[in-house]
Amino acid sequence: MGIVHRPCYPSLMNKIVVVSLAAILLLGTGTALFIMQASQPEDDTGTVASTSTDSNATAATTTDISPAVKDDAKKTTKIYTNTLFGYSFSYPSSWISDLEQHIKNSPILSIASVHEPKEEQPRRFSVTINLVKRAIKDHAPKTEPITIDGIEATAYIFPDGYECTESGDCSFILIPIVRNNMWYEITLANDAKTLDAYRDILASFEFTN
């Protein structure tokens, strides 16, 4: 029996190998492209939040707050409302609200105040309900007209306090307003040489009844 010689086609085999490798590479590249595309965040119309650094892009999904956002956060406010004596005002959300005081056997019916969280000489905004008009206002070295909830009033400014013997800031401002046969005395203490540090709170003050 004779030997059967099988033809060998090296060029054809090489072509098959090349085509196979090309197909694998193409398939792998396509898969990689698909994975890359799937991992990209969708635009604003999609369900995945954009991670763009554009200033107009939403930052809802990030915990890194920019300085501008921090500044805005400081400007957020709380509202103090006193239903018994009928007034309310807004104050910075970082400030602390004290318990309202009621003094027995005194013409002072109520003292409500809010202040900065720092311990030393915090800015303080308070409202005292007094049945008696205080004479201390007549000793104020400076005055300034001011409108509170549409009512014209006078701010009595004590830039160095009143008979102050302590070191540090003794400044305060008294704004008395008569209403319902009572004196609503708005007092600003510390950093109170002018009205500037308290204008936003003063602008928010309103009588509710």
Foldseek 3Di string as FASTA:
>chain_A
DDDDDDDDDVVVVVVVVVVVVVVVVVVVVVVVVVVVVVPAADPPVDPGADPDPPPPGDPVPPPDDDPVVVVVLQVDWDKDADPVQFKIWIDGPQKAWDDWDADPPFQWGIKTKIWHPDDPFTKMKMKIKGLDDDPVLVVAPDKDWDAAQNRIWIKRWDQQADPDPDPDGRIKIWIWDDDPSITTIIMIGGPVNDCVVPVRRRHGMDGGD
